[in-house]
Protein backbone atom coordinates (compact mmCIF):
# COMPACT_ATOMS: atom_id res chain seq x y z
CA UNK A 1 33.12 -29.40 1.24
CA UNK A 2 29.59 -30.41 3.20
CA UNK A 3 29.61 -26.85 4.77
CA UNK A 4 29.37 -25.30 1.42
CA UNK A 5 26.94 -27.89 0.24
CA UNK A 6 24.70 -26.78 2.74
CA UNK A 7 25.28 -22.99 2.32
CA UNK A 8 24.28 -23.66 -1.23
CA UNK A 9 21.34 -25.51 -0.52
CA UNK A 10 20.18 -22.55 1.82
CA UNK A 11 20.71 -19.81 -0.49
CA UNK A 12 18.39 -21.55 -3.12
CA UNK A 13 16.10 -22.14 -0.54
CA UNK A 14 16.21 -18.67 0.50
CA UNK A 15 15.71 -17.43 -3.24
CA UNK A 16 12.81 -19.49 -4.12
CA UNK A 17 10.93 -18.47 -0.92
CA UNK A 18 9.38 -14.85 -2.04
CA UNK A 19 6.22 -15.16 -1.15
CA UNK A 20 6.71 -13.29 2.11
CA UNK A 21 8.52 -10.22 0.15
CA UNK A 22 5.94 -10.40 -2.15
CA UNK A 23 3.16 -9.79 0.38
CA UNK A 24 5.00 -6.85 2.14
CA UNK A 25 5.14 -5.01 -1.04
CA UNK A 26 1.36 -5.97 -1.56
CA UNK A 27 0.99 -4.20 1.62
CA UNK A 28 2.84 -1.53 0.91
CA UNK A 29 0.88 -0.74 -2.27
CA UNK A 30 -2.17 -1.05 -0.60
CA UNK A 31 -1.52 1.34 2.27
CA UNK A 32 -0.06 4.28 -0.26
CA UNK A 33 -3.33 3.77 -2.35
CA UNK A 34 -5.36 3.63 0.88
CA UNK A 35 -3.62 7.00 2.17
CA UNK A 36 -3.91 8.78 -1.63
CA UNK A 37 -7.79 8.08 -1.14
CA UNK A 38 -8.34 9.45 2.51
CA UNK A 39 -6.69 12.35 1.51
CA UNK A 40 -8.50 12.58 -1.68
CA UNK A 41 -11.79 12.12 0.13
CA UNK A 42 -10.90 14.63 2.52
CA UNK A 43 -9.96 17.64 -0.01
CA UNK A 44 -13.13 16.83 -2.21
CA UNK A 45 -15.29 16.21 0.89
CA UNK A 46 -14.48 19.91 2.33
CA UNK A 47 -14.81 21.55 -1.01
CA UNK A 48 -18.10 19.75 -1.32
CA UNK A 49 -19.39 20.58 1.79
CA UNK A 50 -18.49 24.32 1.16
CA UNK A 51 -20.41 24.04 -2.33
CA UNK A 52 -23.72 22.94 -0.62
CA UNK A 53 -23.58 25.31 1.85
CA UNK A 54 -23.24 27.84 -0.62
CA UNK A 55 -26.11 26.78 -2.75
CA UNK A 56 -28.34 26.26 0.22
CA UNK A 57 -27.72 30.13 1.19
CA UNK A 58 -28.80 30.97 -2.05
CA UNK A 59 -31.86 28.90 -2.04
C-alpha cells in the first residue's frame, strides 16, 4: 500500500510539472519560424538583387 501511495504521488508530481515540456515546445516553434524566415529572406534577397542589377544595367 505504501508503494502505491508513493507511485501515485510521483505520477501526480510528473503531471503537474509541464514547464520543461512547454519550454521545449516553444523552442521548436521558434526554431521553425527562424528557418522559414531565413528561407524567405534568402529567396527574396536573390530576387531583389537580380532586380536591382537589372535596373542598374538599364540606367
